Amino acid sequence: MKFFAVHPIGFELKDPLKVIPATKISVVLCAAIYFATGLFGYLLFGDATMSDILVNFDQSSGSSIGSLFNDVVRLSYALHLMLVFPLMNFSLRANLDELLFPKRSSLAKDSTRFIGLTLALLVCCFLSAIAVPDIWYFFQFLGSTTTVSIAFIFPAAIVLRNVHGVSTSREKTVAAIMLVLAVATSTIAISTNLYSLTVTAN
């Protein structure tokens, strides 16, 4: 379960508290899958393991079993994308609707708006997929900007803003340090990504 979809999905449930065990199960399953993928990928490919392990499966092993295994991995990844994309699109569509139409009725009650937003998002995703030749460039910048912002910068900014007057001076100090470190880390990561892009282009 994508972390940014937890709250919207929770609000859709009759009992929002049911999202807590679902989230715990999802985290455990994801951790187990990532661990198994990393472990068996390294056992299979050794030092030749790529940062994107799917690239390793593009190489032919010369055996029918290896070819079958490659096809199974590709199909499982395609299935993964088919299941994850609607979940990601769910949160994006809901947030975009609240941003563009804050005073309109619920999106679930307006089929025209729902279909329009969905088609617009699908077209944007499709065109982006065509325009960006390597998805890892996108992931690099996403990790160095969005992830840092959601995990560190925004929470620290909320504590420092202290709208309700509940933050202590110690919490504000920690938030300020976290904010500075997050901005510095993000800046370094973005600079590194830009440098690697220019080196690759040359």
N, C-alpha and C. Protein backbone atom coordinates (compact mmCIF):
# COMPACT_ATOMS: atom_id res chain seq x y z
N MET A 1 0.85 -1.19 0.00
CA MET A 1 0.00 0.00 0.00
C MET A 1 0.89 1.24 0.00
N LYS A 2 0.62 2.14 -0.92
CA LYS A 2 1.40 3.37 -0.98
C LYS A 2 1.05 4.25 0.21
N PHE A 3 2.07 4.83 0.85
CA PHE A 3 1.83 5.56 2.09
C PHE A 3 0.91 6.76 1.90
N PHE A 4 0.96 7.40 0.73
CA PHE A 4 0.12 8.57 0.53
C PHE A 4 -1.33 8.20 0.24
N ALA A 5 -1.60 6.92 0.05
CA ALA A 5 -2.98 6.48 -0.20
C ALA A 5 -3.66 5.98 1.06
N VAL A 6 -2.92 5.91 2.16
CA VAL A 6 -3.48 5.35 3.39
C VAL A 6 -4.68 6.15 3.88
N HIS A 7 -4.52 7.46 4.01
CA HIS A 7 -5.61 8.28 4.56
C HIS A 7 -6.82 8.34 3.64
N PRO A 8 -6.65 8.58 2.33
CA PRO A 8 -7.84 8.59 1.47
C PRO A 8 -8.59 7.26 1.48
N ILE A 9 -7.84 6.16 1.46
CA ILE A 9 -8.50 4.85 1.48
C ILE A 9 -9.16 4.61 2.83
N GLY A 10 -8.51 5.06 3.90
CA GLY A 10 -9.10 4.92 5.22
C GLY A 10 -10.43 5.65 5.34
N PHE A 11 -10.52 6.83 4.74
CA PHE A 11 -11.77 7.59 4.79
C PHE A 11 -12.87 6.93 3.96
N GLU A 12 -12.48 6.11 2.99
CA GLU A 12 -13.47 5.43 2.16
C GLU A 12 -14.09 4.23 2.88
N LEU A 13 -13.41 3.72 3.90
CA LEU A 13 -13.89 2.54 4.62
C LEU A 13 -15.02 2.92 5.59
N LYS A 14 -15.89 1.96 5.86
CA LYS A 14 -16.95 2.19 6.85
C LYS A 14 -16.34 2.41 8.22
N ASP A 15 -15.32 1.61 8.53
CA ASP A 15 -14.59 1.77 9.78
C ASP A 15 -13.15 2.16 9.45
N PRO A 16 -12.81 3.45 9.53
CA PRO A 16 -11.47 3.91 9.14
C PRO A 16 -10.34 3.23 9.91
N LEU A 17 -10.63 2.72 11.11
CA LEU A 17 -9.59 2.08 11.90
C LEU A 17 -9.11 0.76 11.29
N LYS A 18 -9.90 0.22 10.37
CA LYS A 18 -9.49 -1.03 9.72
C LYS A 18 -8.28 -0.84 8.82
N VAL A 19 -7.98 0.41 8.51
CA VAL A 19 -6.82 0.66 7.66
C VAL A 19 -5.51 0.39 8.42
N ILE A 20 -5.55 0.41 9.74
CA ILE A 20 -4.33 0.20 10.54
C ILE A 20 -3.79 -1.22 10.36
N PRO A 21 -4.61 -2.27 10.59
CA PRO A 21 -4.07 -3.62 10.35
C PRO A 21 -3.71 -3.86 8.89
N ALA A 22 -4.48 -3.25 7.98
CA ALA A 22 -4.17 -3.41 6.55
C ALA A 22 -2.81 -2.80 6.23
N THR A 23 -2.53 -1.66 6.84
CA THR A 23 -1.23 -1.01 6.62
C THR A 23 -0.09 -1.84 7.19
N LYS A 24 -0.30 -2.39 8.37
CA LYS A 24 0.74 -3.22 8.99
C LYS A 24 1.04 -4.45 8.14
N ILE A 25 -0.01 -5.09 7.65
CA ILE A 25 0.17 -6.27 6.80
C ILE A 25 0.90 -5.88 5.51
N SER A 26 0.52 -4.74 4.93
CA SER A 26 1.15 -4.29 3.69
C SER A 26 2.64 -4.01 3.89
N VAL A 27 2.97 -3.38 5.00
CA VAL A 27 4.38 -3.07 5.27
C VAL A 27 5.20 -4.35 5.44
N VAL A 28 4.64 -5.31 6.17
CA VAL A 28 5.34 -6.59 6.37
C VAL A 28 5.52 -7.32 5.05
N LEU A 29 4.47 -7.36 4.24
CA LEU A 29 4.56 -8.02 2.93
C LEU A 29 5.58 -7.34 2.03
N CYS A 30 5.55 -6.01 2.00
CA CYS A 30 6.51 -5.28 1.16
C CYS A 30 7.94 -5.53 1.62
N ALA A 31 8.15 -5.51 2.93
CA ALA A 31 9.49 -5.76 3.46
C ALA A 31 9.97 -7.16 3.09
N ALA A 32 9.07 -8.14 3.21
CA ALA A 32 9.44 -9.52 2.88
C ALA A 32 9.76 -9.67 1.39
N ILE A 33 8.95 -9.02 0.55
CA ILE A 33 9.17 -9.12 -0.90
C ILE A 33 10.48 -8.44 -1.29
N TYR A 34 10.73 -7.25 -0.74
CA TYR A 34 11.98 -6.55 -1.06
C TYR A 34 13.19 -7.33 -0.57
N PHE A 35 13.08 -7.89 0.62
CA PHE A 35 14.19 -8.67 1.17
C PHE A 35 14.46 -9.90 0.31
N ALA A 36 13.39 -10.61 -0.06
CA ALA A 36 13.55 -11.81 -0.89
C ALA A 36 14.11 -11.45 -2.27
N THR A 37 13.63 -10.36 -2.83
CA THR A 37 14.13 -9.94 -4.15
C THR A 37 15.62 -9.61 -4.09
N GLY A 38 16.00 -8.85 -3.07
CA GLY A 38 17.42 -8.50 -2.93
C GLY A 38 18.30 -9.71 -2.68
N LEU A 39 17.85 -10.57 -1.78
CA LEU A 39 18.66 -11.74 -1.42
C LEU A 39 18.82 -12.70 -2.60
N PHE A 40 17.70 -13.10 -3.19
CA PHE A 40 17.78 -14.08 -4.28
C PHE A 40 18.35 -13.46 -5.56
N GLY A 41 18.14 -12.16 -5.73
CA GLY A 41 18.77 -11.50 -6.87
C GLY A 41 20.28 -11.53 -6.76
N TYR A 42 20.78 -11.29 -5.56
CA TYR A 42 22.23 -11.33 -5.37
C TYR A 42 22.76 -12.77 -5.48
N LEU A 43 22.00 -13.72 -4.93
CA LEU A 43 22.43 -15.12 -5.04
C LEU A 43 22.45 -15.58 -6.50
N LEU A 44 21.54 -15.04 -7.30
CA LEU A 44 21.45 -15.45 -8.69
C LEU A 44 22.49 -14.77 -9.56
N PHE A 45 22.68 -13.46 -9.36
CA PHE A 45 23.55 -12.70 -10.26
C PHE A 45 24.90 -12.32 -9.63
N GLY A 46 25.02 -12.43 -8.32
CA GLY A 46 26.29 -12.13 -7.66
C GLY A 46 26.71 -10.68 -7.83
N ASP A 47 27.99 -10.48 -8.14
CA ASP A 47 28.52 -9.12 -8.29
C ASP A 47 27.99 -8.43 -9.54
N ALA A 48 27.36 -9.19 -10.42
CA ALA A 48 26.81 -8.59 -11.65
C ALA A 48 25.41 -8.02 -11.43
N THR A 49 24.93 -8.05 -10.18
CA THR A 49 23.60 -7.52 -9.88
C THR A 49 23.56 -6.02 -10.15
N MET A 50 22.61 -5.59 -10.96
CA MET A 50 22.48 -4.18 -11.30
C MET A 50 21.66 -3.46 -10.22
N SER A 51 21.75 -2.13 -10.22
CA SER A 51 20.95 -1.36 -9.26
C SER A 51 19.46 -1.56 -9.52
N ASP A 52 19.10 -1.71 -10.78
CA ASP A 52 17.74 -2.11 -11.15
C ASP A 52 17.82 -3.58 -11.54
N ILE A 53 17.40 -4.43 -10.65
CA ILE A 53 17.58 -5.87 -10.86
C ILE A 53 16.80 -6.38 -12.07
N LEU A 54 15.79 -5.63 -12.50
CA LEU A 54 15.04 -6.06 -13.68
C LEU A 54 15.91 -6.05 -14.94
N VAL A 55 16.93 -5.21 -14.94
CA VAL A 55 17.84 -5.17 -16.09
C VAL A 55 18.58 -6.49 -16.23
N ASN A 56 18.86 -7.14 -15.10
CA ASN A 56 19.54 -8.43 -15.15
C ASN A 56 18.70 -9.48 -15.87
N PHE A 57 17.40 -9.34 -15.80
CA PHE A 57 16.54 -10.34 -16.42
C PHE A 57 16.40 -10.13 -17.93
N ASP A 58 16.97 -9.05 -18.44
CA ASP A 58 16.98 -8.86 -19.89
C ASP A 58 18.07 -9.68 -20.56
N GLN A 59 18.97 -10.20 -19.75
CA GLN A 59 20.07 -10.98 -20.30
C GLN A 59 19.65 -12.43 -20.46
N SER A 60 19.95 -12.98 -21.60
CA SER A 60 19.57 -14.37 -21.87
C SER A 60 20.55 -15.32 -21.21
N SER A 61 20.00 -16.32 -20.53
CA SER A 61 20.86 -17.30 -19.87
C SER A 61 21.18 -18.48 -20.78
N GLY A 62 20.50 -18.55 -21.91
CA GLY A 62 20.78 -19.63 -22.86
C GLY A 62 20.04 -20.92 -22.57
N SER A 63 19.19 -20.93 -21.55
CA SER A 63 18.44 -22.13 -21.22
C SER A 63 16.95 -21.83 -21.28
N SER A 64 16.17 -22.87 -21.51
CA SER A 64 14.72 -22.68 -21.61
C SER A 64 14.12 -22.31 -20.25
N ILE A 65 14.69 -22.86 -19.17
CA ILE A 65 14.19 -22.55 -17.83
C ILE A 65 14.48 -21.09 -17.50
N GLY A 66 15.68 -20.62 -17.87
CA GLY A 66 16.03 -19.23 -17.63
C GLY A 66 15.13 -18.28 -18.40
N SER A 67 14.82 -18.66 -19.63
CA SER A 67 13.94 -17.83 -20.45
C SER A 67 12.53 -17.78 -19.86
N LEU A 68 12.08 -18.93 -19.38
CA LEU A 68 10.76 -18.99 -18.74
C LEU A 68 10.74 -18.14 -17.47
N PHE A 69 11.82 -18.22 -16.71
CA PHE A 69 11.92 -17.44 -15.48
C PHE A 69 11.91 -15.94 -15.78
N ASN A 70 12.61 -15.54 -16.84
CA ASN A 70 12.60 -14.14 -17.25
C ASN A 70 11.20 -13.67 -17.60
N ASP A 71 10.47 -14.52 -18.32
CA ASP A 71 9.10 -14.16 -18.71
C ASP A 71 8.19 -14.04 -17.49
N VAL A 72 8.38 -14.93 -16.52
CA VAL A 72 7.58 -14.88 -15.30
C VAL A 72 7.85 -13.58 -14.54
N VAL A 73 9.12 -13.19 -14.47
CA VAL A 73 9.48 -11.95 -13.78
C VAL A 73 8.86 -10.75 -14.48
N ARG A 74 8.94 -10.74 -15.81
CA ARG A 74 8.37 -9.61 -16.57
C ARG A 74 6.86 -9.54 -16.37
N LEU A 75 6.20 -10.69 -16.41
CA LEU A 75 4.75 -10.71 -16.22
C LEU A 75 4.36 -10.27 -14.81
N SER A 76 5.15 -10.69 -13.83
CA SER A 76 4.84 -10.29 -12.45
C SER A 76 5.04 -8.79 -12.27
N TYR A 77 6.04 -8.23 -12.95
CA TYR A 77 6.25 -6.79 -12.86
C TYR A 77 5.12 -6.03 -13.56
N ALA A 78 4.66 -6.56 -14.68
CA ALA A 78 3.53 -5.94 -15.37
C ALA A 78 2.28 -5.99 -14.49
N LEU A 79 2.08 -7.11 -13.81
CA LEU A 79 0.94 -7.23 -12.90
C LEU A 79 1.07 -6.24 -11.74
N HIS A 80 2.29 -6.09 -11.26
CA HIS A 80 2.55 -5.13 -10.18
C HIS A 80 2.16 -3.71 -10.62
N LEU A 81 2.56 -3.33 -11.81
CA LEU A 81 2.23 -2.00 -12.32
C LEU A 81 0.72 -1.83 -12.49
N MET A 82 0.07 -2.88 -12.96
CA MET A 82 -1.38 -2.82 -13.15
C MET A 82 -2.11 -2.62 -11.83
N LEU A 83 -1.58 -3.19 -10.76
CA LEU A 83 -2.23 -3.07 -9.46
C LEU A 83 -1.87 -1.78 -8.73
N VAL A 84 -0.65 -1.30 -8.94
CA VAL A 84 -0.18 -0.12 -8.23
C VAL A 84 -0.70 1.17 -8.86
N PHE A 85 -0.77 1.21 -10.18
CA PHE A 85 -1.15 2.45 -10.86
C PHE A 85 -2.51 2.98 -10.43
N PRO A 86 -3.56 2.14 -10.36
CA PRO A 86 -4.85 2.68 -9.89
C PRO A 86 -4.79 3.23 -8.47
N LEU A 87 -3.97 2.60 -7.64
CA LEU A 87 -3.85 3.05 -6.25
C LEU A 87 -3.20 4.43 -6.19
N MET A 88 -2.16 4.62 -7.00
CA MET A 88 -1.50 5.92 -7.05
C MET A 88 -2.41 6.96 -7.69
N ASN A 89 -3.11 6.55 -8.72
CA ASN A 89 -4.00 7.46 -9.43
C ASN A 89 -5.16 7.90 -8.54
N PHE A 90 -5.56 7.03 -7.63
CA PHE A 90 -6.66 7.32 -6.71
C PHE A 90 -6.35 8.57 -5.88
N SER A 91 -5.19 8.58 -5.24
CA SER A 91 -4.81 9.71 -4.40
C SER A 91 -4.56 10.97 -5.22
N LEU A 92 -3.90 10.80 -6.35
CA LEU A 92 -3.60 11.95 -7.20
C LEU A 92 -4.88 12.60 -7.70
N ARG A 93 -5.82 11.79 -8.13
CA ARG A 93 -7.09 12.32 -8.63
C ARG A 93 -7.88 13.03 -7.53
N ALA A 94 -7.90 12.44 -6.34
CA ALA A 94 -8.63 13.04 -5.22
C ALA A 94 -8.01 14.38 -4.82
N ASN A 95 -6.69 14.43 -4.74
CA ASN A 95 -6.02 15.68 -4.35
C ASN A 95 -6.16 16.75 -5.43
N LEU A 96 -6.05 16.33 -6.67
CA LEU A 96 -6.19 17.28 -7.78
C LEU A 96 -7.61 17.86 -7.82
N ASP A 97 -8.58 17.02 -7.54
CA ASP A 97 -9.97 17.48 -7.52
C ASP A 97 -10.19 18.51 -6.41
N GLU A 98 -9.62 18.25 -5.24
CA GLU A 98 -9.76 19.20 -4.13
C GLU A 98 -9.04 20.51 -4.43
N LEU A 99 -7.95 20.43 -5.18
CA LEU A 99 -7.20 21.63 -5.53
C LEU A 99 -7.94 22.47 -6.58
N LEU A 100 -8.48 21.81 -7.59
CA LEU A 100 -9.12 22.52 -8.70
C LEU A 100 -10.58 22.88 -8.42
N PHE A 101 -11.26 22.00 -7.68
CA PHE A 101 -12.69 22.21 -7.43
C PHE A 101 -12.99 22.11 -5.93
N PRO A 102 -12.50 23.05 -5.14
CA PRO A 102 -12.66 22.93 -3.68
C PRO A 102 -14.11 23.05 -3.20
N LYS A 103 -14.94 23.75 -3.96
CA LYS A 103 -16.31 24.00 -3.50
C LYS A 103 -17.35 23.13 -4.19
N ARG A 104 -16.87 22.24 -5.06
CA ARG A 104 -17.81 21.37 -5.77
C ARG A 104 -18.18 20.17 -4.90
N SER A 105 -19.18 19.43 -5.34
CA SER A 105 -19.62 18.24 -4.60
C SER A 105 -18.55 17.15 -4.67
N SER A 106 -18.77 16.09 -3.92
CA SER A 106 -17.80 15.00 -3.87
C SER A 106 -17.56 14.42 -5.26
N LEU A 107 -16.32 14.05 -5.50
CA LEU A 107 -15.95 13.51 -6.81
C LEU A 107 -16.70 12.22 -7.12
N ALA A 108 -17.00 11.45 -6.09
CA ALA A 108 -17.72 10.19 -6.28
C ALA A 108 -19.14 10.40 -6.80
N LYS A 109 -19.68 11.60 -6.58
CA LYS A 109 -21.05 11.89 -7.02
C LYS A 109 -21.11 12.59 -8.37
N ASP A 110 -19.95 12.93 -8.92
CA ASP A 110 -19.91 13.66 -10.20
C ASP A 110 -19.14 12.82 -11.22
N SER A 111 -19.87 12.04 -12.00
CA SER A 111 -19.23 11.13 -12.96
C SER A 111 -18.47 11.87 -14.05
N THR A 112 -19.02 13.00 -14.49
CA THR A 112 -18.37 13.76 -15.56
C THR A 112 -17.00 14.26 -15.12
N ARG A 113 -16.95 14.83 -13.93
CA ARG A 113 -15.68 15.33 -13.41
C ARG A 113 -14.70 14.18 -13.15
N PHE A 114 -15.23 13.08 -12.65
CA PHE A 114 -14.40 11.91 -12.37
C PHE A 114 -13.75 11.38 -13.65
N ILE A 115 -14.56 11.21 -14.68
CA ILE A 115 -14.04 10.69 -15.96
C ILE A 115 -13.07 11.69 -16.59
N GLY A 116 -13.41 12.98 -16.51
CA GLY A 116 -12.53 14.00 -17.09
C GLY A 116 -11.16 14.03 -16.43
N LEU A 117 -11.14 14.01 -15.10
CA LEU A 117 -9.87 14.01 -14.38
C LEU A 117 -9.08 12.74 -14.65
N THR A 118 -9.78 11.62 -14.67
CA THR A 118 -9.10 10.34 -14.91
C THR A 118 -8.46 10.31 -16.29
N LEU A 119 -9.20 10.73 -17.30
CA LEU A 119 -8.66 10.75 -18.66
C LEU A 119 -7.48 11.73 -18.78
N ALA A 120 -7.61 12.88 -18.15
CA ALA A 120 -6.52 13.87 -18.20
C ALA A 120 -5.26 13.31 -17.56
N LEU A 121 -5.41 12.64 -16.43
CA LEU A 121 -4.25 12.06 -15.75
C LEU A 121 -3.63 10.93 -16.57
N LEU A 122 -4.48 10.11 -17.17
CA LEU A 122 -3.97 9.01 -18.00
C LEU A 122 -3.20 9.54 -19.21
N VAL A 123 -3.73 10.58 -19.84
CA VAL A 123 -3.05 11.17 -20.99
C VAL A 123 -1.70 11.76 -20.57
N CYS A 124 -1.69 12.47 -19.44
CA CYS A 124 -0.43 13.05 -18.95
C CYS A 124 0.60 11.96 -18.63
N CYS A 125 0.14 10.90 -17.99
CA CYS A 125 1.06 9.79 -17.67
C CYS A 125 1.58 9.13 -18.93
N PHE A 126 0.71 8.95 -19.90
CA PHE A 126 1.11 8.31 -21.16
C PHE A 126 2.13 9.17 -21.91
N LEU A 127 1.87 10.46 -22.00
CA LEU A 127 2.80 11.36 -22.69
C LEU A 127 4.13 11.46 -21.95
N SER A 128 4.06 11.46 -20.62
CA SER A 128 5.30 11.50 -19.83
C SER A 128 6.12 10.24 -20.04
N ALA A 129 5.44 9.10 -20.12
CA ALA A 129 6.15 7.84 -20.34
C ALA A 129 6.84 7.82 -21.69
N ILE A 130 6.23 8.47 -22.67
CA ILE A 130 6.84 8.54 -24.00
C ILE A 130 8.00 9.54 -24.01
N ALA A 131 7.81 10.66 -23.31
CA ALA A 131 8.80 11.74 -23.34
C ALA A 131 10.06 11.41 -22.56
N VAL A 132 9.92 10.68 -21.45
CA VAL A 132 11.08 10.37 -20.60
C VAL A 132 11.66 9.03 -21.06
N PRO A 133 12.87 9.04 -21.61
CA PRO A 133 13.43 7.80 -22.15
C PRO A 133 13.82 6.78 -21.09
N ASP A 134 14.25 7.26 -19.93
CA ASP A 134 14.68 6.36 -18.86
C ASP A 134 13.98 6.76 -17.57
N ILE A 135 13.17 5.85 -17.04
CA ILE A 135 12.37 6.16 -15.86
C ILE A 135 13.23 6.43 -14.64
N TRP A 136 14.47 5.95 -14.66
CA TRP A 136 15.32 6.13 -13.48
C TRP A 136 15.73 7.58 -13.29
N TYR A 137 15.77 8.36 -14.37
CA TYR A 137 16.01 9.80 -14.21
C TYR A 137 14.89 10.41 -13.38
N PHE A 138 13.68 10.01 -13.68
CA PHE A 138 12.51 10.52 -12.96
C PHE A 138 12.56 10.09 -11.50
N PHE A 139 12.89 8.82 -11.26
CA PHE A 139 12.96 8.31 -9.89
C PHE A 139 14.03 9.04 -9.07
N GLN A 140 15.15 9.35 -9.71
CA GLN A 140 16.23 10.04 -9.00
C GLN A 140 15.77 11.40 -8.49
N PHE A 141 15.14 12.16 -9.37
CA PHE A 141 14.68 13.49 -8.95
C PHE A 141 13.49 13.41 -8.00
N LEU A 142 12.67 12.40 -8.20
CA LEU A 142 11.53 12.21 -7.29
C LEU A 142 12.01 11.90 -5.88
N GLY A 143 13.02 11.03 -5.80
CA GLY A 143 13.56 10.67 -4.49
C GLY A 143 14.25 11.81 -3.79
N SER A 144 14.92 12.66 -4.57
CA SER A 144 15.67 13.76 -3.96
C SER A 144 14.82 15.00 -3.70
N THR A 145 13.60 15.00 -4.15
CA THR A 145 12.73 16.17 -3.92
C THR A 145 11.47 15.79 -3.15
N THR A 146 10.62 15.02 -3.77
CA THR A 146 9.32 14.71 -3.16
C THR A 146 9.45 13.91 -1.87
N THR A 147 10.26 12.87 -1.91
CA THR A 147 10.40 12.02 -0.73
C THR A 147 10.95 12.80 0.46
N VAL A 148 11.98 13.58 0.21
CA VAL A 148 12.57 14.39 1.28
C VAL A 148 11.56 15.41 1.81
N SER A 149 10.80 15.99 0.90
CA SER A 149 9.81 16.99 1.31
C SER A 149 8.73 16.38 2.19
N ILE A 150 8.19 15.25 1.75
CA ILE A 150 7.09 14.61 2.50
C ILE A 150 7.58 14.07 3.84
N ALA A 151 8.76 13.47 3.85
CA ALA A 151 9.23 12.80 5.06
C ALA A 151 9.86 13.75 6.07
N PHE A 152 10.51 14.83 5.60
CA PHE A 152 11.28 15.67 6.51
C PHE A 152 10.91 17.15 6.47
N ILE A 153 10.85 17.73 5.28
CA ILE A 153 10.68 19.18 5.18
C ILE A 153 9.29 19.62 5.63
N PHE A 154 8.24 18.99 5.12
CA PHE A 154 6.88 19.39 5.50
C PHE A 154 6.59 19.17 6.99
N PRO A 155 6.94 18.00 7.57
CA PRO A 155 6.71 17.85 9.01
C PRO A 155 7.46 18.88 9.85
N ALA A 156 8.70 19.16 9.46
CA ALA A 156 9.48 20.16 10.21
C ALA A 156 8.86 21.54 10.08
N ALA A 157 8.38 21.86 8.88
CA ALA A 157 7.75 23.17 8.67
C ALA A 157 6.47 23.30 9.49
N ILE A 158 5.73 22.21 9.61
CA ILE A 158 4.49 22.24 10.41
C ILE A 158 4.81 22.50 11.87
N VAL A 159 5.85 21.84 12.37
CA VAL A 159 6.24 22.03 13.78
C VAL A 159 6.72 23.47 14.00
N LEU A 160 7.49 23.99 13.07
CA LEU A 160 8.02 25.34 13.22
C LEU A 160 6.91 26.39 13.10
N ARG A 161 5.94 26.13 12.25
CA ARG A 161 4.84 27.09 12.11
C ARG A 161 3.99 27.12 13.37
N ASN A 162 3.75 25.96 13.95
CA ASN A 162 3.09 25.84 15.25
C ASN A 162 1.78 26.63 15.33
N VAL A 163 0.88 26.31 14.42
CA VAL A 163 -0.38 27.06 14.33
C VAL A 163 -1.19 26.95 15.62
N HIS A 164 -1.21 25.77 16.23
CA HIS A 164 -2.03 25.55 17.43
C HIS A 164 -1.26 25.79 18.73
N GLY A 165 -0.01 26.18 18.61
CA GLY A 165 0.77 26.50 19.80
C GLY A 165 1.09 25.32 20.69
N VAL A 166 1.31 24.15 20.09
CA VAL A 166 1.57 22.95 20.89
C VAL A 166 3.04 22.51 20.84
N SER A 167 3.82 23.10 19.96
CA SER A 167 5.22 22.69 19.81
C SER A 167 6.07 23.30 20.92
N THR A 168 6.91 22.46 21.52
CA THR A 168 7.83 22.95 22.55
C THR A 168 9.09 23.50 21.88
N SER A 169 9.90 24.19 22.66
CA SER A 169 11.13 24.76 22.11
C SER A 169 12.09 23.66 21.66
N ARG A 170 12.09 22.55 22.39
CA ARG A 170 12.95 21.42 22.00
C ARG A 170 12.51 20.85 20.66
N GLU A 171 11.20 20.70 20.48
CA GLU A 171 10.67 20.19 19.22
C GLU A 171 10.98 21.14 18.06
N LYS A 172 10.90 22.43 18.33
CA LYS A 172 11.23 23.40 17.29
C LYS A 172 12.70 23.35 16.91
N THR A 173 13.55 23.12 17.90
CA THR A 173 14.98 23.01 17.63
C THR A 173 15.27 21.79 16.77
N VAL A 174 14.68 20.66 17.15
CA VAL A 174 14.85 19.43 16.37
C VAL A 174 14.31 19.61 14.96
N ALA A 175 13.15 20.27 14.85
CA ALA A 175 12.55 20.49 13.54
C ALA A 175 13.43 21.39 12.67
N ALA A 176 14.02 22.40 13.28
CA ALA A 176 14.90 23.31 12.52
C ALA A 176 16.13 22.56 12.02
N ILE A 177 16.71 21.73 12.88
CA ILE A 177 17.88 20.94 12.46
C ILE A 177 17.50 19.98 11.35
N MET A 178 16.35 19.33 11.52
CA MET A 178 15.88 18.38 10.50
C MET A 178 15.62 19.08 9.18
N LEU A 179 15.07 20.29 9.25
CA LEU A 179 14.78 21.05 8.03
C LEU A 179 16.06 21.42 7.30
N VAL A 180 17.04 21.89 8.04
CA VAL A 180 18.32 22.28 7.42
C VAL A 180 19.01 21.07 6.80
N LEU A 181 19.04 19.96 7.53
CA LEU A 181 19.68 18.75 7.01
C LEU A 181 18.94 18.22 5.78
N ALA A 182 17.62 18.28 5.81
CA ALA A 182 16.83 17.79 4.67
C ALA A 182 17.07 18.63 3.43
N VAL A 183 17.08 19.94 3.60
CA VAL A 183 17.32 20.83 2.46
C VAL A 183 18.73 20.62 1.91
N ALA A 184 19.70 20.49 2.81
CA ALA A 184 21.08 20.27 2.37
C ALA A 184 21.21 18.94 1.63
N THR A 185 20.61 17.91 2.19
CA THR A 185 20.67 16.58 1.56
C THR A 185 20.00 16.59 0.20
N SER A 186 18.84 17.23 0.13
CA SER A 186 18.12 17.30 -1.13
C SER A 186 18.91 18.08 -2.18
N THR A 187 19.54 19.17 -1.75
CA THR A 187 20.34 19.98 -2.68
C THR A 187 21.52 19.18 -3.23
N ILE A 188 22.19 18.45 -2.34
CA ILE A 188 23.32 17.61 -2.77
C ILE A 188 22.85 16.54 -3.74
N ALA A 189 21.71 15.91 -3.42
CA ALA A 189 21.19 14.84 -4.28
C ALA A 189 20.80 15.37 -5.65
N ILE A 190 20.15 16.53 -5.67
CA ILE A 190 19.76 17.12 -6.96
C ILE A 190 20.99 17.50 -7.77
N SER A 191 21.99 18.08 -7.11
CA SER A 191 23.22 18.45 -7.81
C SER A 191 23.91 17.22 -8.38
N THR A 192 23.94 16.15 -7.60
CA THR A 192 24.56 14.91 -8.07
C THR A 192 23.81 14.35 -9.27
N ASN A 193 22.49 14.39 -9.20
CA ASN A 193 21.68 13.90 -10.32
C ASN A 193 21.91 14.72 -11.59
N LEU A 194 21.96 16.04 -11.43
CA LEU A 194 22.20 16.90 -12.59
C LEU A 194 23.58 16.66 -13.17
N TYR A 195 24.56 16.47 -12.30
CA TYR A 195 25.92 16.21 -12.77
C TYR A 195 26.00 14.89 -13.53
N SER A 196 25.34 13.86 -12.98
CA SER A 196 25.36 12.56 -13.66
C SER A 196 24.64 12.63 -15.00
N LEU A 197 23.60 13.45 -15.07
CA LEU A 197 22.89 13.61 -16.35
C LEU A 197 23.77 14.29 -17.39
N THR A 198 24.50 15.32 -16.97
CA THR A 198 25.37 16.03 -17.91
C THR A 198 26.52 15.14 -18.36
N VAL A 199 27.05 14.35 -17.44
CA VAL A 199 28.15 13.43 -17.79
C VAL A 199 27.66 12.37 -18.77
N THR A 200 26.46 11.86 -18.51
CA THR A 200 25.89 10.84 -19.40
C THR A 200 25.60 11.42 -20.78
N ALA A 201 25.12 12.66 -20.80
CA ALA A 201 24.80 13.30 -22.09
C ALA A 201 26.05 13.55 -22.92
N ASN A 202 27.16 13.86 -22.23
CA ASN A 202 28.41 14.12 -22.95
C ASN A 202 29.11 12.82 -23.31
